[in-house]
Amino acid sequence: MKPVLIYLLSVNALGFLLMLIDKYKARKKLWRIPEATLMWVAALGGSLGSLLGMYTVRHKTKHPKFTIGVPVLLALQIVLGLLVYRFLCF
């Protein structure tokens, strides 16, 4: 269970940081982080961190791909996590 927790904390921290970095780069007109990368990090378990990052710095909040996609990923990850926990821990 501990490696899973470490993974989830790490990937969510990465999702949060990538949103902050991409917002900074957008303001400075620098090379940006591809949207596909942001979505992959969210899909690989970092959806909560990505969502918190989005709304902390108001980044990608006008893109339906993110405003709908990331919360849907989060909901799916919660359901999947609960199912895995229920069937593996009981």
PDB file of N, CA and C in Angstrom:
ATOM      1  N   MET A   1       0.820  -1.199   0.000  1.00  0.00           N
ATOM      2  CA  MET A   1       0.000   0.000   0.000  1.00  0.00           C
ATOM      3  C   MET A   1       0.867   1.268   0.000  1.00  0.00           C
ATOM      4  N   LYS A   2       2.009   1.202   0.679  1.00  0.00           N
ATOM      5  CA  LYS A   2       2.869   2.373   0.762  1.00  0.00           C
ATOM      6  C   LYS A   2       3.409   2.815  -0.599  1.00  0.00           C
ATOM      7  N   PRO A   3       3.862   1.898  -1.469  1.00  0.00           N
ATOM      8  CA  PRO A   3       4.329   2.333  -2.795  1.00  0.00           C
ATOM      9  C   PRO A   3       3.224   3.008  -3.611  1.00  0.00           C
ATOM     10  N   VAL A   4       1.997   2.539  -3.466  1.00  0.00           N
ATOM     11  CA  VAL A   4       0.875   3.150  -4.189  1.00  0.00           C
ATOM     12  C   VAL A   4       0.660   4.576  -3.700  1.00  0.00           C
ATOM     13  N   LEU A   5       0.721   4.771  -2.396  1.00  0.00           N
ATOM     14  CA  LEU A   5       0.548   6.109  -1.825  1.00  0.00           C
ATOM     15  C   LEU A   5       1.660   7.050  -2.293  1.00  0.00           C
ATOM     16  N   ILE A   6       2.888   6.564  -2.290  1.00  0.00           N
ATOM     17  CA  ILE A   6       4.021   7.376  -2.759  1.00  0.00           C
ATOM     18  C   ILE A   6       3.836   7.739  -4.233  1.00  0.00           C
ATOM     19  N   TYR A   7       3.404   6.768  -5.040  1.00  0.00           N
ATOM     20  CA  TYR A   7       3.161   7.029  -6.457  1.00  0.00           C
ATOM     21  C   TYR A   7       2.089   8.101  -6.636  1.00  0.00           C
ATOM     22  N   LEU A   8       0.965   7.944  -5.938  1.00  0.00           N
ATOM     23  CA  LEU A   8      -0.138   8.897  -6.094  1.00  0.00           C
ATOM     24  C   LEU A   8       0.253  10.296  -5.639  1.00  0.00           C
ATOM     25  N   LEU A   9       0.967  10.392  -4.538  1.00  0.00           N
ATOM     26  CA  LEU A   9       1.425  11.708  -4.083  1.00  0.00           C
ATOM     27  C   LEU A   9       2.374  12.331  -5.105  1.00  0.00           C
ATOM     28  N   SER A  10       3.269  11.524  -5.650  1.00  0.00           N
ATOM     29  CA  SER A  10       4.245  12.031  -6.625  1.00  0.00           C
ATOM     30  C   SER A  10       3.584  12.492  -7.919  1.00  0.00           C
ATOM     31  N   VAL A  11       2.692  11.673  -8.470  1.00  0.00           N
ATOM     32  CA  VAL A  11       2.073  12.016  -9.749  1.00  0.00           C
ATOM     33  C   VAL A  11       1.117  13.205  -9.588  1.00  0.00           C
ATOM     34  N   ASN A  12       0.486  13.341  -8.429  1.00  0.00           N
ATOM     35  CA  ASN A  12      -0.375  14.496  -8.206  1.00  0.00           C
ATOM     36  C   ASN A  12       0.436  15.768  -8.003  1.00  0.00           C
ATOM     37  N   ALA A  13       1.564  15.657  -7.320  1.00  0.00           N
ATOM     38  CA  ALA A  13       2.458  16.810  -7.189  1.00  0.00           C
ATOM     39  C   ALA A  13       2.969  17.231  -8.562  1.00  0.00           C
ATOM     40  N   LEU A  14       3.302  16.246  -9.403  1.00  0.00           N
ATOM     41  CA  LEU A  14       3.751  16.540 -10.764  1.00  0.00           C
ATOM     42  C   LEU A  14       2.650  17.241 -11.561  1.00  0.00           C
ATOM     43  N   GLY A  15       1.423  16.743 -11.469  1.00  0.00           N
ATOM     44  CA  GLY A  15       0.303  17.371 -12.175  1.00  0.00           C
ATOM     45  C   GLY A  15       0.107  18.817 -11.752  1.00  0.00           C
ATOM     46  N   PHE A  16       0.184  19.058 -10.446  1.00  0.00           N
ATOM     47  CA  PHE A  16       0.035  20.413  -9.915  1.00  0.00           C
ATOM     48  C   PHE A  16       1.160  21.312 -10.427  1.00  0.00           C
ATOM     49  N   LEU A  17       2.394  20.831 -10.323  1.00  0.00           N
ATOM     50  CA  LEU A  17       3.546  21.627 -10.760  1.00  0.00           C
ATOM     51  C   LEU A  17       3.536  21.905 -12.259  1.00  0.00           C
ATOM     52  N   LEU A  18       3.131  20.930 -13.057  1.00  0.00           N
ATOM     53  CA  LEU A  18       3.083  21.151 -14.506  1.00  0.00           C
ATOM     54  C   LEU A  18       2.085  22.244 -14.869  1.00  0.00           C
ATOM     55  N   MET A  19       0.960  22.299 -14.173  1.00  0.00           N
ATOM     56  CA  MET A  19      -0.011  23.372 -14.429  1.00  0.00           C
ATOM     57  C   MET A  19       0.589  24.729 -14.076  1.00  0.00           C
ATOM     58  N   LEU A  20       1.278  24.801 -12.941  1.00  0.00           N
ATOM     59  CA  LEU A  20       1.906  26.056 -12.543  1.00  0.00           C
ATOM     60  C   LEU A  20       2.986  26.476 -13.534  1.00  0.00           C
ATOM     61  N   ILE A  21       3.817  25.533 -13.940  1.00  0.00           N
ATOM     62  CA  ILE A  21       4.902  25.829 -14.884  1.00  0.00           C
ATOM     63  C   ILE A  21       4.339  26.261 -16.232  1.00  0.00           C
ATOM     64  N   ASP A  22       3.303  25.563 -16.713  1.00  0.00           N
ATOM     65  CA  ASP A  22       2.728  25.912 -18.014  1.00  0.00           C
ATOM     66  C   ASP A  22       2.075  27.291 -17.970  1.00  0.00           C
ATOM     67  N   LYS A  23       1.445  27.636 -16.859  1.00  0.00           N
ATOM     68  CA  LYS A  23       0.850  28.971 -16.713  1.00  0.00           C
ATOM     69  C   LYS A  23       1.951  30.034 -16.753  1.00  0.00           C
ATOM     70  N   TYR A  24       3.041  29.791 -16.045  1.00  0.00           N
ATOM     71  CA  TYR A  24       4.167  30.718 -16.045  1.00  0.00           C
ATOM     72  C   TYR A  24       4.711  30.901 -17.462  1.00  0.00           C
ATOM     73  N   LYS A  25       4.894  29.777 -18.169  1.00  0.00           N
ATOM     74  CA  LYS A  25       5.424  29.838 -19.531  1.00  0.00           C
ATOM     75  C   LYS A  25       4.460  30.551 -20.473  1.00  0.00           C
ATOM     76  N   ALA A  26       3.164  30.385 -20.260  1.00  0.00           N
ATOM     77  CA  ALA A  26       2.176  31.065 -21.099  1.00  0.00           C
ATOM     78  C   ALA A  26       2.269  32.577 -20.907  1.00  0.00           C
ATOM     79  N   ARG A  27       2.410  33.002 -19.673  1.00  0.00           N
ATOM     80  CA  ARG A  27       2.514  34.443 -19.397  1.00  0.00           C
ATOM     81  C   ARG A  27       3.787  35.052 -19.979  1.00  0.00           C
ATOM     82  N   LYS A  28       4.873  34.288 -19.950  1.00  0.00           N
ATOM     83  CA  LYS A  28       6.162  34.781 -20.448  1.00  0.00           C
ATOM     84  C   LYS A  28       6.367  34.521 -21.936  1.00  0.00           C
ATOM     85  N   LYS A  29       5.349  33.923 -22.587  1.00  0.00           N
ATOM     86  CA  LYS A  29       5.414  33.591 -24.010  1.00  0.00           C
ATOM     87  C   LYS A  29       6.612  32.686 -24.328  1.00  0.00           C
ATOM     88  N   LEU A  30       6.814  31.702 -23.477  1.00  0.00           N
ATOM     89  CA  LEU A  30       7.877  30.718 -23.660  1.00  0.00           C
ATOM     90  C   LEU A  30       7.302  29.438 -24.242  1.00  0.00           C
ATOM     91  N   TRP A  31       8.194  28.485 -24.563  1.00  0.00           N
ATOM     92  CA  TRP A  31       7.782  27.176 -25.042  1.00  0.00           C
ATOM     93  C   TRP A  31       6.899  26.530 -23.982  1.00  0.00           C
ATOM     94  N   ARG A  32       5.766  25.968 -24.426  1.00  0.00           N
ATOM     95  CA  ARG A  32       4.754  25.444 -23.502  1.00  0.00           C
ATOM     96  C   ARG A  32       4.834  23.933 -23.357  1.00  0.00           C
ATOM     97  N   ILE A  33       4.236  23.457 -22.283  1.00  0.00           N
ATOM     98  CA  ILE A  33       4.086  22.016 -22.068  1.00  0.00           C
ATOM     99  C   ILE A  33       2.912  21.560 -22.925  1.00  0.00           C
ATOM    100  N   PRO A  34       3.077  20.536 -23.750  1.00  0.00           N
ATOM    101  CA  PRO A  34       1.973  20.084 -24.610  1.00  0.00           C
ATOM    102  C   PRO A  34       0.746  19.666 -23.791  1.00  0.00           C
ATOM    103  N   GLU A  35      -0.443  19.978 -24.342  1.00  0.00           N
ATOM    104  CA  GLU A  35      -1.683  19.595 -23.670  1.00  0.00           C
ATOM    105  C   GLU A  35      -1.759  18.091 -23.470  1.00  0.00           C
ATOM    106  N   ALA A  36      -1.239  17.335 -24.418  1.00  0.00           N
ATOM    107  CA  ALA A  36      -1.258  15.873 -24.291  1.00  0.00           C
ATOM    108  C   ALA A  36      -0.478  15.423 -23.055  1.00  0.00           C
ATOM    109  N   THR A  37       0.625  16.082 -22.773  1.00  0.00           N
ATOM    110  CA  THR A  37       1.411  15.740 -21.584  1.00  0.00           C
ATOM    111  C   THR A  37       0.619  16.023 -20.319  1.00  0.00           C
ATOM    112  N   LEU A  38      -0.042  17.177 -20.282  1.00  0.00           N
ATOM    113  CA  LEU A  38      -0.853  17.527 -19.112  1.00  0.00           C
ATOM    114  C   LEU A  38      -1.971  16.509 -18.896  1.00  0.00           C
ATOM    115  N   MET A  39      -2.607  16.087 -19.996  1.00  0.00           N
ATOM    116  CA  MET A  39      -3.695  15.111 -19.879  1.00  0.00           C
ATOM    117  C   MET A  39      -3.172  13.730 -19.493  1.00  0.00           C
ATOM    118  N   TRP A  40      -2.018  13.331 -20.008  1.00  0.00           N
ATOM    119  CA  TRP A  40      -1.461  12.024 -19.659  1.00  0.00           C
ATOM    120  C   TRP A  40      -1.114  11.953 -18.178  1.00  0.00           C
ATOM    121  N   VAL A  41      -0.556  13.017 -17.650  1.00  0.00           N
ATOM    122  CA  VAL A  41      -0.231  13.026 -16.219  1.00  0.00           C
ATOM    123  C   VAL A  41      -1.514  12.886 -15.401  1.00  0.00           C
ATOM    124  N   ALA A  42      -2.565  13.593 -15.813  1.00  0.00           N
ATOM    125  CA  ALA A  42      -3.855  13.467 -15.124  1.00  0.00           C
ATOM    126  C   ALA A  42      -4.396  12.045 -15.254  1.00  0.00           C
ATOM    127  N   ALA A  43      -4.294  11.472 -16.437  1.00  0.00           N
ATOM    128  CA  ALA A  43      -4.824  10.125 -16.682  1.00  0.00           C
ATOM    129  C   ALA A  43      -4.048   9.050 -15.925  1.00  0.00           C
ATOM    130  N   LEU A  44      -2.786   9.286 -15.666  1.00  0.00           N
ATOM    131  CA  LEU A  44      -1.959   8.296 -14.970  1.00  0.00           C
ATOM    132  C   LEU A  44      -2.048   8.420 -13.450  1.00  0.00           C
ATOM    133  N   GLY A  45      -3.062   9.128 -12.967  1.00  0.00           N
ATOM    134  CA  GLY A  45      -3.293   9.213 -11.528  1.00  0.00           C
ATOM    135  C   GLY A  45      -3.139  10.598 -10.944  1.00  0.00           C
ATOM    136  N   GLY A  46      -2.741  11.576 -11.750  1.00  0.00           N
ATOM    137  CA  GLY A  46      -2.511  12.918 -11.236  1.00  0.00           C
ATOM    138  C   GLY A  46      -3.662  13.879 -11.446  1.00  0.00           C
ATOM    139  N   SER A  47      -4.867  13.358 -11.559  1.00  0.00           N
ATOM    140  CA  SER A  47      -6.012  14.219 -11.869  1.00  0.00           C
ATOM    141  C   SER A  47      -6.330  15.203 -10.745  1.00  0.00           C
ATOM    142  N   LEU A  48      -6.214  14.784  -9.496  1.00  0.00           N
ATOM    143  CA  LEU A  48      -6.511  15.699  -8.390  1.00  0.00           C
ATOM    144  C   LEU A  48      -5.506  16.847  -8.365  1.00  0.00           C
ATOM    145  N   GLY A  49      -4.232  16.536  -8.487  1.00  0.00           N
ATOM    146  CA  GLY A  49      -3.206  17.576  -8.515  1.00  0.00           C
ATOM    147  C   GLY A  49      -3.368  18.503  -9.702  1.00  0.00           C
ATOM    148  N   SER A  50      -3.700  17.938 -10.856  1.00  0.00           N
ATOM    149  CA  SER A  50      -3.918  18.754 -12.052  1.00  0.00           C
ATOM    150  C   SER A  50      -5.112  19.676 -11.864  1.00  0.00           C
ATOM    151  N   LEU A  51      -6.185  19.146 -11.304  1.00  0.00           N
ATOM    152  CA  LEU A  51      -7.390  19.946 -11.079  1.00  0.00           C
ATOM    153  C   LEU A  51      -7.118  21.074 -10.085  1.00  0.00           C
ATOM    154  N   LEU A  52      -6.422  20.762  -9.009  1.00  0.00           N
ATOM    155  CA  LEU A  52      -6.071  21.801  -8.037  1.00  0.00           C
ATOM    156  C   LEU A  52      -5.165  22.852  -8.669  1.00  0.00           C
ATOM    157  N   GLY A  53      -4.221  22.419  -9.488  1.00  0.00           N
ATOM    158  CA  GLY A  53      -3.344  23.353 -10.182  1.00  0.00           C
ATOM    159  C   GLY A  53      -4.097  24.239 -11.155  1.00  0.00           C
ATOM    160  N   MET A  54      -5.054  23.635 -11.870  1.00  0.00           N
ATOM    161  CA  MET A  54      -5.858  24.402 -12.831  1.00  0.00           C
ATOM    162  C   MET A  54      -6.563  25.566 -12.152  1.00  0.00           C
ATOM    163  N   TYR A  55      -7.191  25.287 -11.030  1.00  0.00           N
ATOM    164  CA  TYR A  55      -8.000  26.318 -10.390  1.00  0.00           C
ATOM    165  C   TYR A  55      -7.198  27.206  -9.449  1.00  0.00           C
ATOM    166  N   THR A  56      -6.034  26.760  -9.006  1.00  0.00           N
ATOM    167  CA  THR A  56      -5.175  27.607  -8.183  1.00  0.00           C
ATOM    168  C   THR A  56      -4.635  28.778  -8.999  1.00  0.00           C
ATOM    169  N   VAL A  57      -4.193  28.494 -10.228  1.00  0.00           N
ATOM    170  CA  VAL A  57      -3.613  29.550 -11.067  1.00  0.00           C
ATOM    171  C   VAL A  57      -4.503  29.922 -12.251  1.00  0.00           C
ATOM    172  N   ARG A  58      -5.731  29.396 -12.258  1.00  0.00           N
ATOM    173  CA  ARG A  58      -6.691  29.665 -13.343  1.00  0.00           C
ATOM    174  C   ARG A  58      -6.084  29.383 -14.714  1.00  0.00           C
ATOM    175  N   HIS A  59      -5.657  28.160 -14.870  1.00  0.00           N
ATOM    176  CA  HIS A  59      -5.008  27.747 -16.116  1.00  0.00           C
ATOM    177  C   HIS A  59      -5.797  26.615 -16.753  1.00  0.00           C
ATOM    178  N   LYS A  60      -6.088  26.741 -18.032  1.00  0.00           N
ATOM    179  CA  LYS A  60      -6.848  25.753 -18.815  1.00  0.00           C
ATOM    180  C   LYS A  60      -8.296  25.645 -18.340  1.00  0.00           C
ATOM    181  N   THR A  61      -8.799  26.667 -17.660  1.00  0.00           N
ATOM    182  CA  THR A  61     -10.163  26.612 -17.127  1.00  0.00           C
ATOM    183  C   THR A  61     -11.220  27.004 -18.155  1.00  0.00           C
ATOM    184  N   LYS A  62     -10.812  27.364 -19.353  1.00  0.00           N
ATOM    185  CA  LYS A  62     -11.772  27.675 -20.420  1.00  0.00           C
ATOM    186  C   LYS A  62     -11.757  26.614 -21.515  1.00  0.00           C
ATOM    187  N   HIS A  63     -11.002  25.561 -21.299  1.00  0.00           N
ATOM    188  CA  HIS A  63     -10.889  24.483 -22.277  1.00  0.00           C
ATOM    189  C   HIS A  63     -11.727  23.293 -21.808  1.00  0.00           C
ATOM    190  N   PRO A  64     -12.814  22.964 -22.530  1.00  0.00           N
ATOM    191  CA  PRO A  64     -13.654  21.823 -22.123  1.00  0.00           C
ATOM    192  C   PRO A  64     -12.871  20.521 -21.977  1.00  0.00           C
ATOM    193  N   LYS A  65     -11.836  20.368 -22.781  1.00  0.00           N
ATOM    194  CA  LYS A  65     -10.991  19.168 -22.683  1.00  0.00           C
ATOM    195  C   LYS A  65     -10.469  18.999 -21.253  1.00  0.00           C
ATOM    196  N   PHE A  66     -10.197  20.117 -20.589  1.00  0.00           N
ATOM    197  CA  PHE A  66      -9.672  20.076 -19.230  1.00  0.00           C
ATOM    198  C   PHE A  66     -10.762  20.249 -18.177  1.00  0.00           C
ATOM    199  N   THR A  67     -11.702  21.174 -18.405  1.00  0.00           N
ATOM    200  CA  THR A  67     -12.733  21.415 -17.389  1.00  0.00           C
ATOM    201  C   THR A  67     -13.703  20.254 -17.254  1.00  0.00           C
ATOM    202  N   ILE A  68     -13.842  19.461 -18.303  1.00  0.00           N
ATOM    203  CA  ILE A  68     -14.691  18.265 -18.239  1.00  0.00           C
ATOM    204  C   ILE A  68     -13.820  17.020 -18.085  1.00  0.00           C
ATOM    205  N   GLY A  69     -12.764  16.942 -18.871  1.00  0.00           N
ATOM    206  CA  GLY A  69     -11.931  15.742 -18.908  1.00  0.00           C
ATOM    207  C   GLY A  69     -11.236  15.413 -17.597  1.00  0.00           C
ATOM    208  N   VAL A  70     -10.638  16.403 -16.954  1.00  0.00           N
ATOM    209  CA  VAL A  70      -9.894  16.134 -15.717  1.00  0.00           C
ATOM    210  C   VAL A  70     -10.833  15.718 -14.578  1.00  0.00           C
ATOM    211  N   PRO A  71     -11.977  16.400 -14.362  1.00  0.00           N
ATOM    212  CA  PRO A  71     -12.894  15.908 -13.323  1.00  0.00           C
ATOM    213  C   PRO A  71     -13.454  14.513 -13.615  1.00  0.00           C
ATOM    214  N   VAL A  72     -13.696  14.205 -14.890  1.00  0.00           N
ATOM    215  CA  VAL A  72     -14.163  12.856 -15.244  1.00  0.00           C
ATOM    216  C   VAL A  72     -13.073  11.830 -14.917  1.00  0.00           C
ATOM    217  N   LEU A  73     -11.835  12.147 -15.248  1.00  0.00           N
ATOM    218  CA  LEU A  73     -10.725  11.253 -14.898  1.00  0.00           C
ATOM    219  C   LEU A  73     -10.632  11.061 -13.386  1.00  0.00           C
ATOM    220  N   LEU A  74     -10.796  12.144 -12.644  1.00  0.00           N
ATOM    221  CA  LEU A  74     -10.748  12.057 -11.182  1.00  0.00           C
ATOM    222  C   LEU A  74     -11.847  11.141 -10.656  1.00  0.00           C
ATOM    223  N   ALA A  75     -13.066  11.310 -11.165  1.00  0.00           N
ATOM    224  CA  ALA A  75     -14.182  10.463 -10.732  1.00  0.00           C
ATOM    225  C   ALA A  75     -13.909   8.995 -11.054  1.00  0.00           C
ATOM    226  N   LEU A  76     -13.411   8.730 -12.256  1.00  0.00           N
ATOM    227  CA  LEU A  76     -13.087   7.352 -12.642  1.00  0.00           C
ATOM    228  C   LEU A  76     -11.985   6.767 -11.755  1.00  0.00           C
ATOM    229  N   GLN A  77     -10.994   7.575 -11.438  1.00  0.00           N
ATOM    230  CA  GLN A  77      -9.898   7.096 -10.601  1.00  0.00           C
ATOM    231  C   GLN A  77     -10.366   6.817  -9.175  1.00  0.00           C
ATOM    232  N   ILE A  78     -11.284   7.626  -8.671  1.00  0.00           N
ATOM    233  CA  ILE A  78     -11.833   7.382  -7.334  1.00  0.00           C
ATOM    234  C   ILE A  78     -12.620   6.080  -7.319  1.00  0.00           C
ATOM    235  N   VAL A  79     -13.491   5.900  -8.315  1.00  0.00           N
ATOM    236  CA  VAL A  79     -14.290   4.671  -8.391  1.00  0.00           C
ATOM    237  C   VAL A  79     -13.377   3.452  -8.529  1.00  0.00           C
ATOM    238  N   LEU A  80     -12.406   3.531  -9.413  1.00  0.00           N
ATOM    239  CA  LEU A  80     -11.474   2.420  -9.607  1.00  0.00           C
ATOM    240  C   LEU A  80     -10.698   2.126  -8.323  1.00  0.00           C
ATOM    241  N   GLY A  81     -10.246   3.170  -7.663  1.00  0.00           N
ATOM    242  CA  GLY A  81      -9.516   2.994  -6.406  1.00  0.00           C
ATOM    243  C   GLY A  81     -10.361   2.329  -5.335  1.00  0.00           C
ATOM    244  N   LEU A  82     -11.622   2.745  -5.234  1.00  0.00           N
ATOM    245  CA  LEU A  82     -12.521   2.127  -4.253  1.00  0.00           C
ATOM    246  C   LEU A  82     -12.780   0.664  -4.575  1.00  0.00           C
ATOM    247  N   LEU A  83     -12.959   0.356  -5.853  1.00  0.00           N
ATOM    248  CA  LEU A  83     -13.178  -1.038  -6.253  1.00  0.00           C
ATOM    249  C   LEU A  83     -11.955  -1.903  -5.963  1.00  0.00           C
ATOM    250  N   VAL A  84     -10.796  -1.406  -6.304  1.00  0.00           N
ATOM    251  CA  VAL A  84      -9.564  -2.155  -6.045  1.00  0.00           C
ATOM    252  C   VAL A  84      -9.386  -2.357  -4.543  1.00  0.00           C
ATOM    253  N   TYR A  85      -9.607  -1.315  -3.776  1.00  0.00           N
ATOM    254  CA  TYR A  85      -9.479  -1.409  -2.317  1.00  0.00           C
ATOM    255  C   TYR A  85     -10.457  -2.432  -1.748  1.00  0.00           C
ATOM    256  N   ARG A  86     -11.695  -2.383  -2.224  1.00  0.00           N
ATOM    257  CA  ARG A  86     -12.730  -3.295  -1.711  1.00  0.00           C
ATOM    258  C   ARG A  86     -12.387  -4.756  -2.009  1.00  0.00           C
ATOM    259  N   PHE A  87     -11.954  -5.031  -3.229  1.00  0.00           N
ATOM    260  CA  PHE A  87     -11.723  -6.415  -3.611  1.00  0.00           C
ATOM    261  C   PHE A  87     -10.357  -6.955  -3.189  1.00  0.00           C
ATOM    262  N   LEU A  88      -9.390  -6.083  -2.977  1.00  0.00           N
ATOM    263  CA  LEU A  88      -8.072  -6.562  -2.569  1.00  0.00           C
ATOM    264  C   LEU A  88      -7.852  -6.522  -1.060  1.00  0.00           C
ATOM    265  N   CYS A  89      -8.582  -5.667  -0.382  1.00  0.00           N
ATOM    266  CA  CYS A  89      -8.354  -5.491   1.057  1.00  0.00           C
ATOM    267  C   CYS A  89      -9.408  -6.165   1.921  1.00  0.00           C
ATOM    268  N   PHE A  90     -10.459  -6.697   1.338  1.00  0.00           N
ATOM    269  CA  PHE A  90     -11.501  -7.361   2.149  1.00  0.00           C
ATOM    270  C   PHE A  90     -11.743  -8.756   1.673  1.00  0.00           C
TER     271      PHE A  90
END
